[in-house]
Amino acid sequence: MEVDKAELLRRMERSFQHFDELLSRVVLHDVDAPGVCGEWSVKDVVAHLIAHEQRTIDELRHAKRGEHLAIKHEENDSFNDGAVYACRAMPFEFVREQWRRSYERAAAMIESLDDADFDAQSEIVRLLDDSINGAVANNTYEHHDYHGAQIAAWLSKDRPEL
């Protein structure tokens, strides 16, 4: 079953709100502590999410112009490392605000699509090599849910008081 624009936006908003609530529970002293996702900290995860949301925006922007954006998935580790490194020296609240803005831009990009673009035979779907939901979900709401579960598990671990 294909997801229409309204449903995609609902899914994105639900996951955004849930993930943002998790971030509100993180003690500021903990945001740089490794171990949330491998060696990544909470701040690193947020930086990673920004990069993937921006990738989605870029893919959709290209498709709207009638272009296919080739993504080198074999270089995903380098892509992720660069995103994390770019935010390392930034304060957490700044990175969090950048994530909120990134989410808003991704949602606005979805809003800018016509309902007809979501049809399985549309030019945008052809250029994406995937449904719009398929192209967007793994970089937005499914990604928030995946890393949100990691942060929730990390928050529930017994840690010494700071």
N, C-alpha and C. Protein backbone atom coordinates (compact mmCIF):
# COMPACT_ATOMS: atom_id res chain seq x y z
N MET A 1 0.84 -1.18 0.00
CA MET A 1 0.00 0.00 0.00
C MET A 1 0.88 1.25 0.00
N GLU A 2 0.64 2.12 -0.97
CA GLU A 2 1.43 3.35 -1.06
C GLU A 2 0.91 4.38 -0.05
N VAL A 3 1.80 5.20 0.40
CA VAL A 3 1.51 6.25 1.38
C VAL A 3 1.32 7.56 0.62
N ASP A 4 0.22 8.27 0.93
CA ASP A 4 0.01 9.57 0.28
C ASP A 4 0.71 10.67 1.06
N LYS A 5 0.63 11.89 0.54
CA LYS A 5 1.33 13.02 1.16
C LYS A 5 0.88 13.25 2.60
N ALA A 6 -0.42 13.25 2.83
CA ALA A 6 -0.92 13.52 4.18
C ALA A 6 -0.42 12.48 5.18
N GLU A 7 -0.43 11.22 4.79
CA GLU A 7 0.03 10.15 5.69
C GLU A 7 1.53 10.25 5.91
N LEU A 8 2.28 10.54 4.87
CA LEU A 8 3.73 10.69 5.02
C LEU A 8 4.04 11.82 5.99
N LEU A 9 3.36 12.94 5.85
CA LEU A 9 3.58 14.06 6.77
C LEU A 9 3.18 13.71 8.20
N ARG A 10 2.11 12.94 8.38
CA ARG A 10 1.71 12.50 9.72
C ARG A 10 2.79 11.62 10.34
N ARG A 11 3.31 10.69 9.57
CA ARG A 11 4.36 9.80 10.07
C ARG A 11 5.61 10.59 10.44
N MET A 12 5.97 11.54 9.60
CA MET A 12 7.15 12.35 9.88
C MET A 12 6.95 13.18 11.15
N GLU A 13 5.79 13.79 11.30
CA GLU A 13 5.52 14.62 12.48
C GLU A 13 5.50 13.79 13.75
N ARG A 14 4.87 12.62 13.71
CA ARG A 14 4.83 11.75 14.89
C ARG A 14 6.24 11.38 15.33
N SER A 15 7.08 10.96 14.39
CA SER A 15 8.43 10.54 14.76
C SER A 15 9.27 11.73 15.21
N PHE A 16 9.07 12.88 14.57
CA PHE A 16 9.79 14.09 14.98
C PHE A 16 9.45 14.43 16.44
N GLN A 17 8.17 14.45 16.76
CA GLN A 17 7.74 14.81 18.12
C GLN A 17 8.30 13.82 19.14
N HIS A 18 8.24 12.54 18.83
CA HIS A 18 8.75 11.52 19.75
C HIS A 18 10.26 11.68 19.96
N PHE A 19 11.00 11.86 18.87
CA PHE A 19 12.44 11.99 18.97
C PHE A 19 12.81 13.28 19.72
N ASP A 20 12.11 14.38 19.44
CA ASP A 20 12.39 15.63 20.12
C ASP A 20 12.12 15.51 21.62
N GLU A 21 11.09 14.76 21.97
CA GLU A 21 10.80 14.53 23.40
C GLU A 21 11.94 13.75 24.05
N LEU A 22 12.48 12.77 23.35
CA LEU A 22 13.63 12.03 23.88
C LEU A 22 14.82 12.97 24.10
N LEU A 23 15.05 13.85 23.15
CA LEU A 23 16.16 14.80 23.29
C LEU A 23 15.96 15.70 24.49
N SER A 24 14.72 16.02 24.82
CA SER A 24 14.43 16.85 25.98
C SER A 24 14.80 16.15 27.29
N ARG A 25 14.83 14.83 27.25
CA ARG A 25 15.16 14.05 28.45
C ARG A 25 16.66 13.88 28.65
N VAL A 26 17.44 14.21 27.65
CA VAL A 26 18.89 14.03 27.75
C VAL A 26 19.48 15.15 28.59
N VAL A 27 20.19 14.78 29.60
CA VAL A 27 20.88 15.76 30.43
C VAL A 27 21.99 16.38 29.59
N LEU A 28 22.09 17.70 29.60
CA LEU A 28 23.07 18.37 28.74
C LEU A 28 24.49 17.85 28.93
N HIS A 29 24.83 17.42 30.12
CA HIS A 29 26.18 16.90 30.35
C HIS A 29 26.41 15.58 29.63
N ASP A 30 25.36 14.90 29.24
CA ASP A 30 25.48 13.59 28.61
C ASP A 30 25.54 13.63 27.09
N VAL A 31 25.28 14.74 26.47
CA VAL A 31 25.11 14.78 25.01
C VAL A 31 26.34 14.38 24.23
N ASP A 32 27.52 14.51 24.81
CA ASP A 32 28.75 14.16 24.11
C ASP A 32 29.30 12.80 24.55
N ALA A 33 28.61 12.13 25.46
CA ALA A 33 29.09 10.83 25.94
C ALA A 33 28.90 9.76 24.87
N PRO A 34 29.94 9.00 24.56
CA PRO A 34 29.80 7.95 23.54
C PRO A 34 28.94 6.80 24.06
N GLY A 35 28.56 5.94 23.14
CA GLY A 35 27.86 4.72 23.54
C GLY A 35 26.40 4.66 23.20
N VAL A 36 25.86 5.69 22.57
CA VAL A 36 24.44 5.67 22.20
C VAL A 36 24.23 4.75 21.00
N CYS A 37 25.09 4.92 20.02
CA CYS A 37 25.05 4.12 18.78
C CYS A 37 26.51 3.82 18.45
N GLY A 38 27.00 2.70 18.94
CA GLY A 38 28.43 2.43 18.82
C GLY A 38 29.18 3.48 19.62
N GLU A 39 30.09 4.17 18.97
CA GLU A 39 30.85 5.22 19.65
C GLU A 39 30.17 6.59 19.57
N TRP A 40 29.07 6.68 18.86
CA TRP A 40 28.38 7.95 18.71
C TRP A 40 27.68 8.38 19.99
N SER A 41 27.69 9.69 20.21
CA SER A 41 26.95 10.32 21.31
C SER A 41 25.56 10.72 20.80
N VAL A 42 24.75 11.25 21.69
CA VAL A 42 23.44 11.77 21.29
C VAL A 42 23.62 12.87 20.25
N LYS A 43 24.57 13.78 20.49
CA LYS A 43 24.81 14.87 19.55
C LYS A 43 25.25 14.32 18.19
N ASP A 44 26.06 13.29 18.19
CA ASP A 44 26.50 12.67 16.93
C ASP A 44 25.31 12.09 16.17
N VAL A 45 24.41 11.45 16.88
CA VAL A 45 23.21 10.87 16.24
C VAL A 45 22.38 11.98 15.59
N VAL A 46 22.20 13.08 16.29
CA VAL A 46 21.42 14.19 15.75
C VAL A 46 22.10 14.76 14.50
N ALA A 47 23.41 14.90 14.52
CA ALA A 47 24.14 15.38 13.35
C ALA A 47 23.95 14.42 12.17
N HIS A 48 23.98 13.15 12.45
CA HIS A 48 23.76 12.11 11.44
C HIS A 48 22.36 12.24 10.83
N LEU A 49 21.36 12.48 11.66
CA LEU A 49 19.99 12.63 11.17
C LEU A 49 19.85 13.86 10.27
N ILE A 50 20.51 14.94 10.64
CA ILE A 50 20.47 16.14 9.80
C ILE A 50 20.98 15.81 8.40
N ALA A 51 22.10 15.15 8.32
CA ALA A 51 22.71 14.83 7.02
C ALA A 51 21.78 13.98 6.17
N HIS A 52 21.11 13.02 6.79
CA HIS A 52 20.21 12.15 6.03
C HIS A 52 18.95 12.88 5.60
N GLU A 53 18.44 13.77 6.44
CA GLU A 53 17.29 14.58 6.02
C GLU A 53 17.67 15.49 4.86
N GLN A 54 18.85 16.06 4.93
CA GLN A 54 19.30 16.92 3.84
C GLN A 54 19.49 16.13 2.55
N ARG A 55 19.91 14.88 2.68
CA ARG A 55 20.03 14.01 1.51
C ARG A 55 18.66 13.80 0.87
N THR A 56 17.64 13.58 1.69
CA THR A 56 16.28 13.41 1.17
C THR A 56 15.82 14.67 0.44
N ILE A 57 16.07 15.82 1.04
CA ILE A 57 15.69 17.08 0.40
C ILE A 57 16.40 17.20 -0.95
N ASP A 58 17.67 16.89 -0.98
CA ASP A 58 18.44 16.98 -2.21
C ASP A 58 17.90 16.01 -3.27
N GLU A 59 17.58 14.79 -2.87
CA GLU A 59 17.01 13.82 -3.81
C GLU A 59 15.70 14.33 -4.40
N LEU A 60 14.83 14.85 -3.56
CA LEU A 60 13.54 15.35 -4.03
C LEU A 60 13.70 16.60 -4.88
N ARG A 61 14.60 17.47 -4.50
CA ARG A 61 14.85 18.68 -5.28
C ARG A 61 15.31 18.31 -6.70
N HIS A 62 16.23 17.36 -6.79
CA HIS A 62 16.68 16.91 -8.11
C HIS A 62 15.52 16.30 -8.90
N ALA A 63 14.74 15.44 -8.26
CA ALA A 63 13.62 14.78 -8.95
C ALA A 63 12.61 15.81 -9.45
N LYS A 64 12.35 16.85 -8.66
CA LYS A 64 11.41 17.89 -9.09
C LYS A 64 11.93 18.64 -10.32
N ARG A 65 13.25 18.70 -10.46
CA ARG A 65 13.85 19.35 -11.63
C ARG A 65 14.00 18.38 -12.81
N GLY A 66 13.54 17.15 -12.61
CA GLY A 66 13.64 16.17 -13.68
C GLY A 66 14.98 15.47 -13.75
N GLU A 67 15.71 15.47 -12.63
CA GLU A 67 17.03 14.86 -12.58
C GLU A 67 17.07 13.72 -11.56
N HIS A 68 17.89 12.75 -11.85
CA HIS A 68 18.12 11.66 -10.89
C HIS A 68 19.41 11.97 -10.14
N LEU A 69 19.37 11.95 -8.82
CA LEU A 69 20.56 12.16 -8.00
C LEU A 69 21.18 10.80 -7.70
N ALA A 70 22.36 10.58 -8.20
CA ALA A 70 23.06 9.31 -7.92
C ALA A 70 23.70 9.40 -6.54
N ILE A 71 23.38 8.44 -5.70
CA ILE A 71 23.95 8.38 -4.36
C ILE A 71 24.87 7.17 -4.31
N LYS A 72 26.07 7.40 -3.84
CA LYS A 72 27.05 6.32 -3.72
C LYS A 72 26.89 5.68 -2.34
N HIS A 73 26.02 4.69 -2.26
CA HIS A 73 25.72 4.06 -0.97
C HIS A 73 26.94 3.38 -0.37
N GLU A 74 27.88 2.99 -1.22
CA GLU A 74 29.10 2.36 -0.71
C GLU A 74 29.97 3.36 0.06
N GLU A 75 29.67 4.65 -0.08
CA GLU A 75 30.41 5.68 0.64
C GLU A 75 29.62 6.21 1.84
N ASN A 76 28.62 5.47 2.28
CA ASN A 76 27.75 5.92 3.36
C ASN A 76 28.51 6.13 4.67
N ASP A 77 29.50 5.27 4.95
CA ASP A 77 30.26 5.45 6.19
C ASP A 77 31.00 6.78 6.19
N SER A 78 31.59 7.14 5.08
CA SER A 78 32.29 8.43 4.97
C SER A 78 31.30 9.59 5.08
N PHE A 79 30.14 9.43 4.46
CA PHE A 79 29.09 10.44 4.53
C PHE A 79 28.70 10.67 5.99
N ASN A 80 28.48 9.58 6.73
CA ASN A 80 28.09 9.68 8.14
C ASN A 80 29.21 10.27 8.99
N ASP A 81 30.43 9.81 8.76
CA ASP A 81 31.57 10.35 9.53
C ASP A 81 31.72 11.85 9.32
N GLY A 82 31.54 12.31 8.08
CA GLY A 82 31.64 13.74 7.79
C GLY A 82 30.58 14.54 8.50
N ALA A 83 29.36 14.00 8.53
CA ALA A 83 28.26 14.70 9.21
C ALA A 83 28.52 14.83 10.70
N VAL A 84 29.00 13.76 11.31
CA VAL A 84 29.29 13.77 12.74
C VAL A 84 30.44 14.72 13.04
N TYR A 85 31.49 14.64 12.26
CA TYR A 85 32.66 15.50 12.46
C TYR A 85 32.29 16.98 12.34
N ALA A 86 31.44 17.31 11.38
CA ALA A 86 31.07 18.71 11.14
C ALA A 86 30.40 19.35 12.35
N CYS A 87 29.76 18.55 13.20
CA CYS A 87 29.03 19.10 14.35
C CYS A 87 29.73 18.89 15.69
N ARG A 88 30.86 18.23 15.69
CA ARG A 88 31.52 17.89 16.95
C ARG A 88 31.78 19.10 17.86
N ALA A 89 32.23 20.21 17.30
CA ALA A 89 32.58 21.37 18.14
C ALA A 89 31.39 22.26 18.45
N MET A 90 30.25 21.97 17.87
CA MET A 90 29.07 22.81 18.07
C MET A 90 28.35 22.44 19.37
N PRO A 91 27.77 23.43 20.03
CA PRO A 91 26.97 23.12 21.23
C PRO A 91 25.74 22.28 20.85
N PHE A 92 25.34 21.41 21.76
CA PHE A 92 24.22 20.52 21.49
C PHE A 92 22.96 21.28 21.11
N GLU A 93 22.61 22.33 21.82
CA GLU A 93 21.37 23.04 21.53
C GLU A 93 21.39 23.64 20.12
N PHE A 94 22.56 24.04 19.65
CA PHE A 94 22.68 24.53 18.27
C PHE A 94 22.42 23.39 17.28
N VAL A 95 23.03 22.23 17.53
CA VAL A 95 22.83 21.07 16.65
C VAL A 95 21.37 20.64 16.69
N ARG A 96 20.77 20.65 17.86
CA ARG A 96 19.36 20.28 17.97
C ARG A 96 18.48 21.24 17.18
N GLU A 97 18.77 22.52 17.27
CA GLU A 97 18.00 23.51 16.51
C GLU A 97 18.19 23.32 15.01
N GLN A 98 19.40 22.98 14.60
CA GLN A 98 19.64 22.71 13.19
C GLN A 98 18.84 21.49 12.73
N TRP A 99 18.72 20.49 13.60
CA TRP A 99 17.90 19.31 13.28
C TRP A 99 16.43 19.70 13.12
N ARG A 100 15.94 20.54 14.03
CA ARG A 100 14.54 20.99 13.92
C ARG A 100 14.32 21.72 12.59
N ARG A 101 15.25 22.57 12.23
CA ARG A 101 15.13 23.30 10.96
C ARG A 101 15.23 22.36 9.77
N SER A 102 16.09 21.38 9.88
CA SER A 102 16.24 20.39 8.81
C SER A 102 14.94 19.62 8.63
N TYR A 103 14.33 19.23 9.74
CA TYR A 103 13.04 18.53 9.67
C TYR A 103 11.99 19.43 9.00
N GLU A 104 11.95 20.69 9.40
CA GLU A 104 10.97 21.62 8.81
C GLU A 104 11.18 21.76 7.31
N ARG A 105 12.43 21.82 6.87
CA ARG A 105 12.71 21.91 5.43
C ARG A 105 12.29 20.63 4.71
N ALA A 106 12.52 19.48 5.34
CA ALA A 106 12.10 18.20 4.73
C ALA A 106 10.58 18.15 4.62
N ALA A 107 9.89 18.56 5.67
CA ALA A 107 8.42 18.56 5.63
C ALA A 107 7.91 19.55 4.58
N ALA A 108 8.56 20.71 4.47
CA ALA A 108 8.16 21.69 3.46
C ALA A 108 8.38 21.15 2.05
N MET A 109 9.44 20.39 1.86
CA MET A 109 9.69 19.78 0.56
C MET A 109 8.58 18.80 0.21
N ILE A 110 8.14 18.00 1.18
CA ILE A 110 7.03 17.07 0.95
C ILE A 110 5.77 17.86 0.64
N GLU A 111 5.52 18.92 1.40
CA GLU A 111 4.34 19.77 1.17
C GLU A 111 4.33 20.34 -0.25
N SER A 112 5.52 20.61 -0.79
CA SER A 112 5.59 21.23 -2.12
C SER A 112 5.27 20.25 -3.25
N LEU A 113 5.20 18.98 -2.94
CA LEU A 113 4.89 17.99 -3.97
C LEU A 113 3.39 17.97 -4.24
N ASP A 114 3.03 17.68 -5.46
CA ASP A 114 1.63 17.50 -5.82
C ASP A 114 1.18 16.11 -5.41
N ASP A 115 -0.11 15.96 -5.15
CA ASP A 115 -0.64 14.63 -4.83
C ASP A 115 -0.32 13.64 -5.95
N ALA A 116 -0.37 14.11 -7.19
CA ALA A 116 -0.09 13.24 -8.35
C ALA A 116 1.35 12.72 -8.34
N ASP A 117 2.27 13.45 -7.69
CA ASP A 117 3.65 12.99 -7.62
C ASP A 117 3.79 11.68 -6.86
N PHE A 118 2.83 11.39 -6.00
CA PHE A 118 2.88 10.18 -5.18
C PHE A 118 2.41 8.94 -5.94
N ASP A 119 1.85 9.13 -7.12
CA ASP A 119 1.42 8.00 -7.95
C ASP A 119 2.64 7.16 -8.33
N ALA A 120 2.47 5.85 -8.31
CA ALA A 120 3.57 4.93 -8.60
C ALA A 120 4.17 5.13 -9.98
N GLN A 121 3.43 5.74 -10.89
CA GLN A 121 3.91 5.95 -12.26
C GLN A 121 4.40 7.39 -12.50
N SER A 122 4.50 8.19 -11.47
CA SER A 122 4.90 9.59 -11.66
C SER A 122 6.37 9.70 -12.04
N GLU A 123 6.69 10.82 -12.63
CA GLU A 123 8.08 11.08 -13.04
C GLU A 123 9.00 11.16 -11.82
N ILE A 124 8.53 11.75 -10.74
CA ILE A 124 9.36 11.85 -9.54
C ILE A 124 9.66 10.47 -8.98
N VAL A 125 8.67 9.61 -8.93
CA VAL A 125 8.89 8.25 -8.43
C VAL A 125 9.90 7.54 -9.34
N ARG A 126 9.76 7.71 -10.64
CA ARG A 126 10.71 7.09 -11.57
C ARG A 126 12.13 7.58 -11.32
N LEU A 127 12.29 8.88 -11.12
CA LEU A 127 13.62 9.45 -10.91
C LEU A 127 14.22 9.07 -9.57
N LEU A 128 13.37 8.82 -8.60
CA LEU A 128 13.85 8.40 -7.28
C LEU A 128 14.22 6.92 -7.25
N ASP A 129 13.75 6.17 -8.23
CA ASP A 129 13.91 4.71 -8.22
C ASP A 129 13.26 4.10 -6.99
N ASP A 130 12.23 4.75 -6.49
CA ASP A 130 11.55 4.30 -5.28
C ASP A 130 10.27 5.12 -5.14
N SER A 131 9.34 4.66 -4.32
CA SER A 131 8.19 5.49 -4.00
C SER A 131 8.69 6.70 -3.21
N ILE A 132 7.89 7.73 -3.14
CA ILE A 132 8.30 8.89 -2.34
C ILE A 132 8.44 8.48 -0.88
N ASN A 133 7.49 7.71 -0.38
CA ASN A 133 7.60 7.24 0.99
C ASN A 133 8.86 6.41 1.19
N GLY A 134 9.15 5.53 0.25
CA GLY A 134 10.35 4.70 0.37
C GLY A 134 11.62 5.53 0.40
N ALA A 135 11.67 6.55 -0.44
CA ALA A 135 12.85 7.40 -0.50
C ALA A 135 12.98 8.29 0.73
N VAL A 136 11.86 8.67 1.31
CA VAL A 136 11.87 9.61 2.44
C VAL A 136 11.95 8.89 3.79
N ALA A 137 11.22 7.79 3.94
CA ALA A 137 11.09 7.13 5.24
C ALA A 137 12.43 6.76 5.86
N ASN A 138 13.29 6.12 5.05
CA ASN A 138 14.54 5.63 5.64
C ASN A 138 15.49 6.76 6.04
N ASN A 139 15.25 7.97 5.56
CA ASN A 139 16.08 9.12 5.94
C ASN A 139 15.38 10.05 6.92
N THR A 140 14.12 9.79 7.24
CA THR A 140 13.39 10.66 8.16
C THR A 140 12.72 9.81 9.25
N TYR A 141 11.42 9.54 9.11
CA TYR A 141 10.69 8.98 10.25
C TYR A 141 11.17 7.59 10.68
N GLU A 142 11.53 6.72 9.76
CA GLU A 142 12.06 5.42 10.17
C GLU A 142 13.43 5.58 10.83
N HIS A 143 14.19 6.53 10.35
CA HIS A 143 15.51 6.80 10.91
C HIS A 143 15.39 7.39 12.32
N HIS A 144 14.43 8.30 12.51
CA HIS A 144 14.19 8.86 13.85
C HIS A 144 13.81 7.75 14.81
N ASP A 145 12.90 6.87 14.37
CA ASP A 145 12.44 5.79 15.23
C ASP A 145 13.58 4.84 15.60
N TYR A 146 14.41 4.51 14.62
CA TYR A 146 15.53 3.59 14.85
C TYR A 146 16.50 4.17 15.88
N HIS A 147 16.94 5.40 15.65
CA HIS A 147 17.89 6.00 16.58
C HIS A 147 17.22 6.45 17.87
N GLY A 148 15.93 6.75 17.81
CA GLY A 148 15.20 7.07 19.03
C GLY A 148 15.18 5.89 19.99
N ALA A 149 15.01 4.69 19.45
CA ALA A 149 15.04 3.48 20.29
C ALA A 149 16.42 3.32 20.94
N GLN A 150 17.47 3.66 20.21
CA GLN A 150 18.82 3.57 20.78
C GLN A 150 19.00 4.59 21.90
N ILE A 151 18.50 5.80 21.69
CA ILE A 151 18.63 6.82 22.73
C ILE A 151 17.79 6.44 23.95
N ALA A 152 16.58 5.93 23.73
CA ALA A 152 15.74 5.50 24.86
C ALA A 152 16.43 4.40 25.66
N ALA A 153 17.04 3.45 24.97
CA ALA A 153 17.77 2.38 25.67
C ALA A 153 18.96 2.95 26.44
N TRP A 154 19.66 3.87 25.82
CA TRP A 154 20.81 4.51 26.47
C TRP A 154 20.37 5.30 27.71
N LEU A 155 19.24 6.00 27.60
CA LEU A 155 18.72 6.76 28.74
C LEU A 155 18.31 5.85 29.90
N SER A 156 17.88 4.64 29.58
CA SER A 156 17.39 3.74 30.63
C SER A 156 18.51 3.00 31.34
N LYS A 157 19.74 3.08 30.83
CA LYS A 157 20.88 2.39 31.47
C LYS A 157 21.22 3.09 32.78
N ASP A 158 21.69 2.28 33.70
CA ASP A 158 22.16 2.84 34.97
C ASP A 158 23.50 3.52 34.71
N ARG A 159 23.55 4.80 34.99
CA ARG A 159 24.78 5.56 34.82
C ARG A 159 25.02 6.33 36.11
N PRO A 160 26.26 6.53 36.46
CA PRO A 160 26.53 7.33 37.67
C PRO A 160 26.01 8.75 37.50
N GLU A 161 25.60 9.33 38.59
CA GLU A 161 25.14 10.72 38.58
C GLU A 161 26.30 11.62 38.17
N LEU A 162 25.97 12.65 37.42
CA LEU A 162 27.00 13.61 36.99
C LEU A 162 27.17 14.69 38.03
